[in-house]
């Protein structure tokens, strides 16, 4: 049931009367006033490497917005790389959201962070954005031989999930996606659209 009051427009704070408005989870690189404004407009920014801290922050914001209403959430990505475990924590959050997520690539999206972009319902890109299909690095693992083997197996399984996700959304054969990740293939916005990764390139407004 929609919790908006009668005079409250869609896409703003869908909070029942008398209940405090939740504060956005602030990105350290974004001024608090801007983070609040973006939260109000249902805009979420992912910038820099997607590590555990970034994934937790972004997932908390996404799930809060999902609880507040079913209007689309705009996810802006400028993430050149990411940790596989952190990326899939964020992918899992995207998968359970009822609100559609529209992702827009700006700058570079690469490595495991491609998985976050691929998990969005709709995928857009600015004309000069680029995508780097590259196998993400694995963190140094120490411990017994069994622990190292288990960590390696977990990494390979997560990497396979990443390849399968990209193959599903692009329609490319899995073998081709595997080869492209192994080769570190870089795609511009137009090439990524032809590849099937991008749905639409954002056009500049008419002047």
Protein backbone atom coordinates (compact mmCIF):
# COMPACT_ATOMS: atom_id res chain seq x y z
CA UNK A 1 0.00 0.00 0.00
CA UNK A 2 1.34 3.45 -0.92
CA UNK A 3 2.34 5.35 2.21
CA UNK A 4 2.35 8.80 0.58
CA UNK A 5 0.11 11.49 1.97
CA UNK A 6 -2.39 12.99 -0.55
CA UNK A 7 -0.28 16.07 -1.22
CA UNK A 8 3.00 14.20 -1.51
CA UNK A 9 4.23 13.73 -5.11
CA UNK A 10 5.58 10.40 -6.37
CA UNK A 11 9.29 9.74 -6.04
CA UNK A 12 9.80 11.73 -2.83
CA UNK A 13 9.65 10.65 0.81
CA UNK A 14 7.03 7.88 0.95
CA UNK A 15 6.90 7.95 4.74
CA UNK A 16 3.73 7.58 6.82
CA UNK A 17 2.70 10.72 8.74
CA UNK A 18 4.44 11.05 12.07
CA UNK A 19 7.27 8.69 11.17
CA UNK A 20 10.75 10.25 10.94
CA UNK A 21 12.30 10.46 7.49
CA UNK A 22 15.31 8.12 7.22
CA UNK A 23 18.68 9.74 6.62
CA UNK A 24 20.60 8.66 3.51
CA UNK A 25 23.77 6.65 3.94
CA UNK A 26 26.36 9.26 3.02
CA UNK A 27 29.18 8.58 0.56
CA UNK A 28 32.37 10.07 2.05
CA UNK A 29 33.04 11.84 -1.26
CA UNK A 30 29.63 13.54 -1.40
CA UNK A 31 28.60 16.57 0.65
CA UNK A 32 25.77 15.75 3.09
CA UNK A 33 23.41 18.33 1.56
CA UNK A 34 23.97 16.82 -1.90
CA UNK A 35 23.54 13.26 -0.61
CA UNK A 36 20.20 14.27 0.93
CA UNK A 37 19.09 15.91 -2.31
CA UNK A 38 20.06 12.83 -4.34
CA UNK A 39 18.25 10.56 -1.89
CA UNK A 40 15.11 12.67 -2.25
CA UNK A 41 15.32 12.28 -6.03
CA UNK A 42 15.96 8.51 -5.69
CA UNK A 43 19.46 8.83 -7.16
CA UNK A 44 22.28 6.60 -5.88
CA UNK A 45 25.93 7.19 -6.79
CA UNK A 46 28.58 4.48 -6.91
CA UNK A 47 32.00 6.00 -7.43
CA UNK A 48 35.40 4.41 -7.06
CA UNK A 49 36.20 0.76 -6.37
CA UNK A 50 33.30 -1.36 -5.13
CA UNK A 51 34.68 -2.75 -1.89
CA UNK A 52 32.82 -4.09 1.13
CA UNK A 53 32.29 -0.64 2.67
CA UNK A 54 30.95 0.83 -0.57
CA UNK A 55 28.70 -2.17 -1.21
CA UNK A 56 27.22 -2.00 2.29
CA UNK A 57 26.57 1.74 1.97
CA UNK A 58 24.98 1.50 -1.47
CA UNK A 59 22.91 -1.60 -0.60
CA UNK A 60 21.55 0.12 2.51
CA UNK A 61 20.52 3.14 0.45
CA UNK A 62 18.93 1.05 -2.30
CA UNK A 63 16.94 -1.11 0.10
CA UNK A 64 15.76 1.95 2.02
CA UNK A 65 14.54 3.58 -1.18
CA UNK A 66 12.84 0.33 -2.16
CA UNK A 67 10.99 0.29 1.17
CA UNK A 68 9.89 3.90 0.65
CA UNK A 69 8.25 3.38 -2.74
CA UNK A 70 8.13 1.48 -6.01
CA UNK A 71 9.22 4.33 -8.29
CA UNK A 72 12.43 3.71 -10.29
CA UNK A 73 15.79 4.25 -8.62
CA UNK A 74 18.54 5.82 -10.71
CA UNK A 75 21.94 4.25 -10.06
CA UNK A 76 24.93 6.17 -11.44
CA UNK A 77 28.11 4.15 -11.78
CA UNK A 78 31.71 5.30 -12.11
CA UNK A 79 33.44 2.21 -10.77
CA UNK A 80 36.61 1.04 -12.53
CA UNK A 81 36.91 -2.14 -10.48
CA UNK A 82 35.39 -4.09 -7.63
CA UNK A 83 35.82 -6.99 -5.27
CA UNK A 84 33.77 -10.01 -6.31
CA UNK A 85 32.28 -10.65 -2.86
CA UNK A 86 31.31 -7.01 -2.44
CA UNK A 87 29.85 -6.78 -5.93
CA UNK A 88 27.64 -9.83 -5.44
CA UNK A 89 26.38 -8.50 -2.10
CA UNK A 90 25.19 -5.49 -4.07
CA UNK A 91 23.85 -7.64 -6.93
CA UNK A 92 21.80 -9.64 -4.42
CA UNK A 93 20.29 -6.41 -3.09
CA UNK A 94 19.37 -5.34 -6.63
CA UNK A 95 17.81 -8.72 -7.36
CA UNK A 96 15.38 -8.54 -4.42
CA UNK A 97 14.21 -4.97 -5.02
CA UNK A 98 10.66 -4.45 -6.23
CA UNK A 99 11.48 -0.94 -7.47
CA UNK A 100 13.15 -1.05 -10.91
CA UNK A 101 16.76 0.15 -10.95
CA UNK A 102 17.97 2.10 -13.98
CA UNK A 103 21.77 2.20 -14.10
CA UNK A 104 23.73 4.86 -15.96
CA UNK A 105 27.44 4.47 -16.67
CA UNK A 106 29.59 7.56 -16.46
CA UNK A 107 33.36 7.41 -16.69
CA UNK A 108 34.49 3.80 -16.49
CA UNK A 109 32.79 0.66 -15.27
CA UNK A 110 35.15 -2.28 -15.13
CA UNK A 111 36.13 -5.59 -13.62
CA UNK A 112 33.67 -7.08 -11.17
CA UNK A 113 31.72 -3.80 -11.08
CA UNK A 114 30.33 -4.78 -14.49
CA UNK A 115 28.14 -7.20 -12.52
CA UNK A 116 26.39 -4.36 -10.70
CA UNK A 117 25.65 -2.61 -13.99
CA UNK A 118 24.41 -5.84 -15.57
CA UNK A 119 22.02 -6.46 -12.66
CA UNK A 120 20.03 -3.27 -13.33
CA UNK A 121 16.61 -3.47 -14.99
CA UNK A 122 17.60 -0.83 -17.57
CA UNK A 123 21.13 0.13 -18.54
CA UNK A 124 22.12 3.50 -19.96
CA UNK A 125 25.50 5.06 -20.70
CA UNK A 126 26.88 8.51 -21.41
CA UNK A 127 28.56 8.82 -24.83
CA UNK A 128 32.12 8.89 -23.47
CA UNK A 129 31.74 6.17 -20.87
CA UNK A 130 33.64 2.93 -21.32
CA UNK A 131 33.45 -0.62 -20.07
CA UNK A 132 36.45 -2.77 -19.20
CA UNK A 133 35.71 -6.47 -19.28
CA UNK A 134 38.53 -7.79 -17.11
CA UNK A 135 38.92 -10.54 -14.56
CA UNK A 136 38.93 -8.96 -11.09
CA UNK A 137 41.97 -9.53 -8.95
CA UNK A 138 41.74 -11.85 -5.98
CA UNK A 139 42.76 -10.74 -2.53
CA UNK A 140 45.87 -12.32 -1.07
CA UNK A 141 44.85 -15.36 0.95
CA UNK A 142 46.90 -16.85 3.72
CA UNK A 143 46.34 -19.92 5.83
CA UNK A 144 46.49 -23.65 5.42
CA UNK A 145 46.54 -25.36 2.05
CA UNK A 146 42.88 -26.29 2.51
CA UNK A 147 41.94 -22.67 3.29
CA UNK A 148 43.80 -21.38 0.24
CA UNK A 149 42.15 -24.03 -1.95
CA UNK A 150 38.71 -23.15 -0.57
CA UNK A 151 39.30 -19.43 -1.24
CA UNK A 152 40.43 -20.18 -4.78
CA UNK A 153 37.33 -22.29 -5.38
CA UNK A 154 35.09 -19.50 -4.07
CA UNK A 155 36.80 -16.99 -6.36
CA UNK A 156 36.37 -19.19 -9.44
CA UNK A 157 32.71 -19.80 -8.59
CA UNK A 158 32.03 -16.06 -8.19
CA UNK A 159 33.89 -15.31 -11.42
CA UNK A 160 31.74 -17.89 -13.22
CA UNK A 161 28.60 -16.21 -11.81
CA UNK A 162 29.84 -12.87 -13.13
CA UNK A 163 30.42 -14.27 -16.62
CA UNK A 164 27.02 -15.98 -16.65
CA UNK A 165 25.28 -12.76 -15.56
CA UNK A 166 26.91 -10.76 -18.36
CA UNK A 167 26.18 -13.49 -20.92
CA UNK A 168 22.51 -13.56 -19.90
CA UNK A 169 21.92 -9.81 -20.20
CA UNK A 170 23.92 -9.34 -23.40
CA UNK A 171 22.84 -12.47 -25.23
CA UNK A 172 26.49 -13.21 -26.02
CA UNK A 173 27.76 -16.80 -25.87
CA UNK A 174 29.32 -17.57 -22.51
CA UNK A 175 32.56 -18.63 -24.22
CA UNK A 176 32.87 -15.20 -25.85
CA UNK A 177 32.27 -13.38 -22.56
CA UNK A 178 34.89 -15.58 -20.88
CA UNK A 179 37.38 -14.76 -23.63
CA UNK A 180 36.64 -11.04 -23.40
CA UNK A 181 37.16 -11.01 -19.62
CA UNK A 182 40.40 -12.96 -20.01
CA UNK A 183 41.64 -10.51 -22.65
CA UNK A 184 40.58 -7.40 -20.72
CA UNK A 185 38.48 -6.12 -23.59
CA UNK A 186 37.50 -2.43 -23.47
CA UNK A 187 34.26 -1.24 -25.02
CA UNK A 188 33.17 2.32 -25.69
CA UNK A 189 29.52 3.22 -25.22
CA UNK A 190 28.57 2.49 -28.84
CA UNK A 191 30.45 -0.81 -28.88
CA UNK A 192 28.89 -1.80 -25.54
CA UNK A 193 25.45 -1.13 -26.97
CA UNK A 194 26.21 -3.35 -29.96
CA UNK A 195 27.54 -5.98 -27.55
CA UNK A 196 24.20 -5.92 -25.71
CA UNK A 197 25.48 -4.52 -22.43
CA UNK A 198 24.00 -1.03 -22.91
CA UNK A 199 20.33 -0.49 -23.69
CA UNK A 200 20.53 3.19 -24.55
CA UNK A 201 23.15 5.92 -24.94
CA UNK A 202 22.15 9.16 -23.25
CA UNK A 203 21.87 11.86 -25.87
CA UNK A 204 22.68 15.51 -25.08
CA UNK A 205 19.63 17.76 -24.86
CA UNK A 206 18.65 19.71 -27.96
CA UNK A 207 19.90 23.28 -27.94
